[in-house]
């Protein structure tokens, strides 16, 4: 949900608007005639599979930590399936709500609602169906604590982030990112049917990870956001201000990630990995800040280096969470 992935968008804004027609998005518009396979791909695209991959990376390792070993594989599969359906439903509903601005942004101009591959009515029905099915799947096969956490994440992303925060405040991704942190709690609760400080700490790691993960991408595409009036921080603040905020959040994130060991949840392996990965993150964050202070722009700013490393960082960190129990 709050986790982001760069998608290839070969078709520009003008072509997207041409696909929609001069009147823009029409909720009564029927989907364009395409093959069954293309239509299936369109519905899969509504779930944003690349983003969900990262969500699962933060869910499954926490299950290993909660179990202090290998969790029941059927439980892992059910949790992953429920998580995919829930996040997919949230993403589909996000596209339904944002279809007006998606048509005007280059990076979203090939989404299924913009091209007419899927109609708005179909998208809405699809998103609601996934939300209901995922909640029932969690509740009936995993546990109801995980079900309510999953539903809460979906509603937070759709209502709080997409409908309330996104177009109103530059802090949208900070607080809206809470939805993308909840899979950590879901992974733990699916195994234990309870909460503990360990998942709360990892929740906070993801909370402080989200802004410095997303703001570099926002710096890259800030013209897109400015065009549609979405006040992402890089749209309303200078690169120097954004980079300073990135550094602050980065230091807090790394510090929080190291709390697991003194509290007794992890051992030496996780600590070494967290220090090494966090240290490299801080190197990249300060490098971005130095380039911003030097008023670098365009390709010289190299903001996407931190964005790409942020995905690698969270993957490495959570793999260490899963491996650590076997080395203690």
Foldseek 3Di string as FASTA:
>chain_A
DLFDDQDDQPDFLVVLCVLCDVVAFDLVAAFDDDDPVLLVVLLVVLLVVVRLVLLLLLQQLLLLLLVLHDDDVVLSVLLSVLLSLLSSLLSLLLCLLCVRLLSRFRRSSPRCSSNRSHHSVRSNVSSVVSLVVSLCSCPVPQNNVLSVLSNVLSCLLNPVQRPPQFQPDQCSSLVSVLSSLSSLVSSNCSNVVDDDVVSVLSSLLSSLLSLLLCVLVCLVRVVSCVVVRGPHPVVPDALLVSLVSSLVSLVVSLVSLQVCVVVPSFDDQLNVLSCVLSVVLNVVSVLLNVCSVVVDDDVSSVSCVSNVSSSVSSSSNSVSSNCGSVVD
